[in-house]
């Protein structure tokens, strides 16, 4: 920040304010924080902290010449799809809603609805209690309510009557038939998710899982972690989400986004590459069309070399 001098003793137009240096470092820290959110933290051989962004992962997992020949025969094998827990499980959010309403009735508080649960989904429980449910501003009481909710959800999760639609199962099996890598991400532990999917006879529908053990703090890191586990470049991955935050995160790391209309309308998911309401509206060909603009590597490189040779002959414009 700059302050205009008020006295005649000043010999220049502006005087340096003490906040200049702090403002500069705050901007630098904000850039580092945003860079951390869009990449995977790692360490170099010398022990220095570094970040794996989507550009590096796109280059690392780019198909080799042998793989390109294989993809000519099986083009869908080069893609990976990422599903959120709320997209494939019909009543995934109802457990949170039931627990929040039970706590509200026992304490005489305002009953939250499904819209409140959706808004509170990507924030800490304490923040949801204070800024979404408007229950209490006392930090001690807020921590108590948040802890009670976490304990009750943990106790009921494994035995809760989750359900998965038949069209979702058919869609997942169709992608497995075409060798598309399927990944599921959730905020629960892997052991809990596998137990629930085994009960639903759906554990074999996914090759990879991104769970709380992977310590992903942002949706961008979830997508990059799924890309790393699937051994596919992020630009060859598509995430199936039902909220605008995941849709925007996919585009931040060069991935594609498929939005399912549900808690949010089609207008709110307008940034998604494709929107749908039911899985029976989709086909595997829709996934292939998502990546139609990527082209093929060898042709792109050949065109680039021809353009350079032509520019070299003509000289600079």
Protein backbone atom coordinates (compact mmCIF):
# COMPACT_ATOMS: atom_id res chain seq x y z
CA UNK A 1 0.00 0.00 0.00
CA UNK A 2 1.06 3.59 -0.65
CA UNK A 3 0.14 6.65 1.41
CA UNK A 4 -0.02 10.20 0.09
CA UNK A 5 2.27 12.53 2.10
CA UNK A 6 0.40 15.09 4.17
CA UNK A 7 3.28 17.42 4.98
CA UNK A 8 5.49 19.70 2.85
CA UNK A 9 8.67 17.94 3.99
CA UNK A 10 8.17 15.07 1.63
CA UNK A 11 10.45 15.18 -1.40
CA UNK A 12 8.61 12.65 -3.56
CA UNK A 13 5.09 11.97 -4.64
CA UNK A 14 4.53 8.91 -2.41
CA UNK A 15 6.04 7.65 0.81
CA UNK A 16 6.67 3.96 1.47
CA UNK A 17 4.17 2.55 3.90
CA UNK A 18 5.10 -0.10 6.46
CA UNK A 19 2.45 -2.39 5.00
CA UNK A 20 4.27 -2.69 1.66
CA UNK A 21 6.41 -5.63 2.65
CA UNK A 22 3.62 -7.47 4.49
CA UNK A 23 1.29 -6.97 1.52
CA UNK A 24 3.91 -8.38 -0.83
CA UNK A 25 4.51 -11.47 1.29
CA UNK A 26 0.77 -12.03 1.79
CA UNK A 27 0.35 -12.08 -1.99
CA UNK A 28 3.24 -14.51 -2.30
CA UNK A 29 1.78 -16.78 0.36
CA UNK A 30 -1.61 -16.68 -1.33
CA UNK A 31 -0.02 -17.79 -4.60
CA UNK A 32 1.79 -20.62 -2.82
CA UNK A 33 -1.42 -21.70 -1.10
CA UNK A 34 -3.32 -21.72 -4.39
CA UNK A 35 -0.50 -23.61 -6.08
CA UNK A 36 -0.66 -26.17 -3.29
CA UNK A 37 -4.42 -26.58 -3.77
CA UNK A 38 -4.01 -27.31 -7.49
CA UNK A 39 -1.15 -29.80 -7.19
CA UNK A 40 0.12 -32.81 -5.27
CA UNK A 41 2.84 -32.11 -2.69
CA UNK A 42 6.03 -34.06 -3.18
CA UNK A 43 9.74 -33.89 -2.47
CA UNK A 44 12.74 -33.80 -4.76
CA UNK A 45 15.79 -36.03 -4.45
CA UNK A 46 17.50 -33.32 -2.42
CA UNK A 47 14.65 -33.17 0.09
CA UNK A 48 13.19 -29.91 -1.18
CA UNK A 49 9.42 -29.53 -1.28
CA UNK A 50 7.95 -29.48 -4.76
CA UNK A 51 4.53 -29.79 -6.34
CA UNK A 52 3.22 -32.10 -9.05
CA UNK A 53 0.81 -30.09 -11.14
CA UNK A 54 -1.47 -31.26 -13.90
CA UNK A 55 1.03 -30.18 -16.58
CA UNK A 56 3.69 -32.50 -15.22
CA UNK A 57 1.23 -35.36 -14.78
CA UNK A 58 -0.03 -34.89 -18.35
CA UNK A 59 3.53 -35.20 -19.57
CA UNK A 60 4.43 -38.11 -17.28
CA UNK A 61 1.42 -40.25 -18.22
CA UNK A 62 1.31 -39.34 -21.90
CA UNK A 63 0.98 -42.58 -23.92
CA UNK A 64 4.07 -44.10 -25.46
CA UNK A 65 4.18 -44.98 -29.18
CA UNK A 66 3.32 -48.59 -28.34
CA UNK A 67 0.37 -47.49 -26.24
CA UNK A 68 -0.85 -45.24 -29.04
CA UNK A 69 -1.01 -48.22 -31.37
CA UNK A 70 -2.95 -50.10 -28.72
CA UNK A 71 -5.37 -47.20 -28.31
CA UNK A 72 -6.12 -47.31 -32.04
CA UNK A 73 -7.63 -50.74 -31.46
CA UNK A 74 -9.13 -49.95 -28.03
CA UNK A 75 -9.57 -46.14 -27.90
CA UNK A 76 -11.60 -46.06 -24.68
CA UNK A 77 -8.79 -47.68 -22.68
CA UNK A 78 -6.85 -44.41 -22.52
CA UNK A 79 -9.54 -42.70 -20.42
CA UNK A 80 -10.42 -42.78 -16.73
CA UNK A 81 -13.64 -41.74 -15.00
CA UNK A 82 -13.93 -40.51 -11.42
CA UNK A 83 -17.16 -40.78 -9.44
CA UNK A 84 -18.06 -39.10 -6.19
CA UNK A 85 -19.84 -41.09 -3.50
CA UNK A 86 -22.89 -38.82 -3.69
CA UNK A 87 -23.31 -39.44 -7.42
CA UNK A 88 -23.53 -43.23 -7.38
CA UNK A 89 -25.30 -43.72 -4.03
CA UNK A 90 -28.92 -42.63 -4.17
CA UNK A 91 -29.35 -41.73 -0.48
CA UNK A 92 -25.78 -40.76 0.38
CA UNK A 93 -26.73 -37.41 1.94
CA UNK A 94 -29.74 -38.69 3.86
CA UNK A 95 -27.57 -40.11 6.63
CA UNK A 96 -26.09 -36.68 7.39
CA UNK A 97 -29.54 -35.11 7.22
CA UNK A 98 -31.05 -37.62 9.65
CA UNK A 99 -28.25 -37.13 12.17
CA UNK A 100 -28.37 -33.32 11.96
CA UNK A 101 -32.15 -33.34 12.43
CA UNK A 102 -31.89 -35.74 15.37
CA UNK A 103 -29.41 -33.43 17.08
CA UNK A 104 -31.65 -30.43 16.38
CA UNK A 105 -34.70 -32.12 17.91
CA UNK A 106 -32.79 -33.18 21.03
CA UNK A 107 -31.44 -29.64 21.57
CA UNK A 108 -34.53 -27.72 20.49
CA UNK A 109 -32.78 -26.13 17.51
CA UNK A 110 -33.95 -25.24 14.02
CA UNK A 111 -34.37 -28.28 11.79
CA UNK A 112 -32.03 -28.23 8.76
CA UNK A 113 -33.24 -29.40 5.36
CA UNK A 114 -31.44 -31.06 2.46
CA UNK A 115 -30.39 -27.71 0.99
CA UNK A 116 -28.59 -26.90 4.24
CA UNK A 117 -26.79 -30.24 4.17
CA UNK A 118 -25.66 -29.62 0.59
CA UNK A 119 -24.32 -26.16 1.47
CA UNK A 120 -22.50 -27.57 4.50
CA UNK A 121 -20.98 -30.45 2.59
CA UNK A 122 -17.60 -28.88 1.81
CA UNK A 123 -16.97 -27.03 5.04
CA UNK A 124 -16.01 -28.08 8.57
CA UNK A 125 -18.88 -29.11 10.81
CA UNK A 126 -18.18 -26.21 13.16
CA UNK A 127 -18.49 -23.70 10.35
CA UNK A 128 -21.71 -25.32 9.14
CA UNK A 129 -23.24 -25.11 12.61
CA UNK A 130 -22.47 -21.41 12.91
CA UNK A 131 -22.96 -20.14 9.35
CA UNK A 132 -25.45 -22.54 7.73
CA UNK A 133 -27.65 -23.93 10.51
CA UNK A 134 -27.29 -20.81 12.72
CA UNK A 135 -27.47 -22.89 15.87
CA UNK A 136 -24.81 -21.45 18.14
CA UNK A 137 -21.87 -19.06 18.10
CA UNK A 138 -20.26 -20.35 21.28
CA UNK A 139 -17.14 -22.26 20.21
CA UNK A 140 -17.31 -24.81 23.01
CA UNK A 141 -20.93 -25.68 22.29
CA UNK A 142 -20.21 -25.73 18.56
CA UNK A 143 -17.39 -28.24 19.04
CA UNK A 144 -19.69 -30.40 21.14
CA UNK A 145 -22.39 -30.46 18.44
CA UNK A 146 -19.85 -31.23 15.73
CA UNK A 147 -18.34 -34.08 17.74
CA UNK A 148 -21.79 -35.55 18.42
CA UNK A 149 -22.58 -35.52 14.71
CA UNK A 150 -19.27 -37.17 13.79
CA UNK A 151 -19.74 -39.95 16.35
CA UNK A 152 -23.32 -40.75 15.30
CA UNK A 153 -22.46 -40.84 11.59
CA UNK A 154 -19.51 -43.12 12.30
CA UNK A 155 -21.68 -45.49 14.33
CA UNK A 156 -24.40 -45.78 11.68
CA UNK A 157 -22.41 -45.66 8.44
CA UNK A 158 -21.59 -49.36 8.05
CA UNK A 159 -25.13 -50.51 8.81
CA UNK A 160 -27.01 -47.75 7.02
CA UNK A 161 -29.38 -48.82 4.27
CA UNK A 162 -27.54 -47.30 1.30
CA UNK A 163 -28.87 -48.06 -2.17
CA UNK A 164 -27.48 -47.84 -5.69
CA UNK A 165 -29.64 -47.49 -8.79
CA UNK A 166 -29.71 -50.26 -11.38
CA UNK A 167 -28.85 -47.86 -14.21
CA UNK A 168 -25.71 -46.80 -12.33
CA UNK A 169 -24.57 -50.42 -12.10
CA UNK A 170 -25.22 -50.97 -15.79
CA UNK A 171 -23.29 -47.83 -16.69
CA UNK A 172 -20.29 -48.85 -14.58
CA UNK A 173 -20.28 -52.34 -16.06
CA UNK A 174 -20.43 -50.91 -19.59
CA UNK A 175 -17.35 -48.79 -18.93
CA UNK A 176 -15.54 -51.77 -17.45
CA UNK A 177 -16.35 -53.75 -20.56
CA UNK A 178 -14.63 -51.05 -22.65
CA UNK A 179 -11.57 -51.06 -20.34
CA UNK A 180 -12.17 -47.55 -18.98
CA UNK A 181 -10.54 -47.18 -15.56
CA UNK A 182 -13.16 -46.42 -12.90
CA UNK A 183 -12.29 -44.58 -9.70
CA UNK A 184 -14.41 -43.70 -6.67
CA UNK A 185 -13.61 -40.88 -4.28
CA UNK A 186 -15.13 -40.27 -0.87
CA UNK A 187 -14.32 -38.64 2.45
CA UNK A 188 -14.63 -41.94 4.33
CA UNK A 189 -12.03 -44.62 5.04
CA UNK A 190 -11.30 -47.20 2.38
CA UNK A 191 -12.24 -50.12 4.62
CA UNK A 192 -15.66 -48.64 5.31
CA UNK A 193 -16.34 -47.95 1.64
CA UNK A 194 -15.31 -51.44 0.59
CA UNK A 195 -17.57 -52.95 3.25
CA UNK A 196 -20.59 -50.97 2.05
CA UNK A 197 -19.89 -51.75 -1.61
CA UNK A 198 -19.53 -55.45 -0.83
CA UNK A 199 -22.94 -55.39 0.78
CA UNK A 200 -24.30 -53.74 -2.38
CA UNK A 201 -22.43 -56.19 -4.66
CA UNK A 202 -20.67 -53.22 -6.29
CA UNK A 203 -17.09 -53.45 -5.03
CA UNK A 204 -15.88 -54.94 -8.34
CA UNK A 205 -17.19 -51.96 -10.27
CA UNK A 206 -14.16 -49.82 -9.35
CA UNK A 207 -10.46 -50.35 -9.88
CA UNK A 208 -9.19 -47.46 -7.72
CA UNK A 209 -10.35 -45.55 -4.64
CA UNK A 210 -9.46 -42.11 -3.34
CA UNK A 211 -10.32 -42.04 0.35
CA UNK A 212 -9.45 -40.11 3.48
CA UNK A 213 -6.17 -42.03 3.77
CA UNK A 214 -4.89 -40.17 0.68
CA UNK A 215 -5.11 -36.88 2.63
CA UNK A 216 -6.53 -34.78 -0.19
CA UNK A 217 -7.56 -31.34 1.05
CA UNK A 218 -9.09 -29.94 -2.16
CA UNK A 219 -11.17 -31.32 -5.07
CA UNK A 220 -8.24 -30.59 -7.39
CA UNK A 221 -6.01 -32.88 -5.36
CA UNK A 222 -8.68 -35.59 -5.46
CA UNK A 223 -8.71 -35.52 -9.26
CA UNK A 224 -4.91 -35.50 -9.51
CA UNK A 225 -4.65 -38.38 -7.03
CA UNK A 226 -7.18 -40.40 -9.00
CA UNK A 227 -5.24 -39.63 -12.19
CA UNK A 228 -2.02 -40.80 -10.55
CA UNK A 229 -3.58 -44.04 -9.32
CA UNK A 230 -5.21 -44.75 -12.68
CA UNK A 231 -1.94 -43.96 -14.50
CA UNK A 232 -3.79 -41.67 -16.87
CA UNK A 233 -3.04 -38.01 -17.65
CA UNK A 234 -5.50 -35.61 -16.00
CA UNK A 235 -6.61 -34.37 -19.41
CA UNK A 236 -7.81 -37.93 -20.12
CA UNK A 237 -9.88 -38.07 -16.93
CA UNK A 238 -13.52 -37.11 -16.44
CA UNK A 239 -15.18 -36.58 -13.08
CA UNK A 240 -18.88 -37.23 -12.52
CA UNK A 241 -20.07 -34.68 -9.98
CA UNK A 242 -23.31 -33.09 -8.82
CA UNK A 243 -21.98 -29.76 -7.52
CA UNK A 244 -20.34 -26.73 -9.18
CA UNK A 245 -17.24 -26.91 -6.99
CA UNK A 246 -16.10 -30.26 -8.39
CA UNK A 247 -16.93 -29.12 -11.92
CA UNK A 248 -14.72 -26.06 -11.57
CA UNK A 249 -11.95 -28.10 -9.95
CA UNK A 250 -11.89 -30.47 -12.93
CA UNK A 251 -11.29 -27.61 -15.35
CA UNK A 252 -8.57 -26.20 -13.09
CA UNK A 253 -6.49 -29.35 -13.65
CA UNK A 254 -7.35 -29.84 -17.36
CA UNK A 255 -9.83 -32.67 -16.68
CA UNK A 256 -13.37 -32.97 -18.02
CA UNK A 257 -16.51 -32.59 -15.93
CA UNK A 258 -19.84 -34.39 -16.25
CA UNK A 259 -22.53 -32.82 -14.09
CA UNK A 260 -25.48 -34.77 -12.74
CA UNK A 261 -28.58 -32.67 -12.18
CA UNK A 262 -29.85 -33.17 -8.65
CA UNK A 263 -29.13 -30.85 -5.72
CA UNK A 264 -28.06 -28.24 -8.27
CA UNK A 265 -29.94 -27.33 -11.44
CA UNK A 266 -28.60 -27.52 -14.98
CA UNK A 267 -28.03 -23.76 -14.93
CA UNK A 268 -25.83 -24.04 -11.84
CA UNK A 269 -23.85 -26.80 -13.56
CA UNK A 270 -23.48 -24.86 -16.81
CA UNK A 271 -19.67 -25.05 -16.63
CA UNK A 272 -19.79 -28.84 -16.98
CA UNK A 273 -18.88 -30.32 -20.37
CA UNK A 274 -21.98 -32.56 -20.24
CA UNK A 275 -25.00 -32.51 -17.95
CA UNK A 276 -27.48 -35.32 -17.38
CA UNK A 277 -30.16 -36.38 -14.93
CA UNK A 278 -30.19 -40.20 -15.13
CA UNK A 279 -27.43 -42.56 -16.12
CA UNK A 280 -29.60 -44.30 -18.68
CA UNK A 281 -29.29 -41.11 -20.77
CA UNK A 282 -25.57 -41.72 -21.24
CA UNK A 283 -23.52 -44.11 -23.33
CA UNK A 284 -19.82 -44.91 -23.52
CA UNK A 285 -19.69 -42.91 -26.73
CA UNK A 286 -20.48 -39.78 -24.69
CA UNK A 287 -17.26 -40.28 -22.74
CA UNK A 288 -15.28 -40.67 -25.95
CA UNK A 289 -16.75 -37.46 -27.35
CA UNK A 290 -15.62 -35.52 -24.26
CA UNK A 291 -12.00 -35.94 -25.33
CA UNK A 292 -12.54 -35.45 -29.05
CA UNK A 293 -10.76 -32.08 -28.99
CA UNK A 294 -7.49 -33.54 -27.67
CA UNK A 295 -6.46 -35.01 -31.01
CA UNK A 296 -3.67 -37.51 -31.44
CA UNK A 297 -0.11 -36.97 -30.33
CA UNK A 298 1.88 -37.95 -33.44
CA UNK A 299 -0.27 -35.84 -35.76
CA UNK A 300 0.04 -32.81 -33.50
CA UNK A 301 3.83 -33.13 -33.38
CA UNK A 302 4.05 -33.53 -37.14
CA UNK A 303 2.00 -30.39 -37.74
CA UNK A 304 4.17 -28.48 -35.29
CA UNK A 305 7.37 -29.46 -37.13
CA UNK A 306 5.91 -28.46 -40.49
CA UNK A 307 4.90 -25.05 -39.18
CA UNK A 308 8.38 -24.43 -37.76
CA UNK A 309 10.06 -25.39 -41.03
CA UNK A 310 7.70 -23.12 -42.99
CA UNK A 311 8.28 -20.17 -40.64
CA UNK A 312 12.03 -20.70 -40.87
CA UNK A 313 11.94 -20.51 -44.65
CA UNK A 314 9.86 -17.33 -44.73
CA UNK A 315 11.64 -15.63 -41.90
CA UNK A 316 10.01 -13.51 -39.21
CA UNK A 317 7.00 -11.47 -40.20
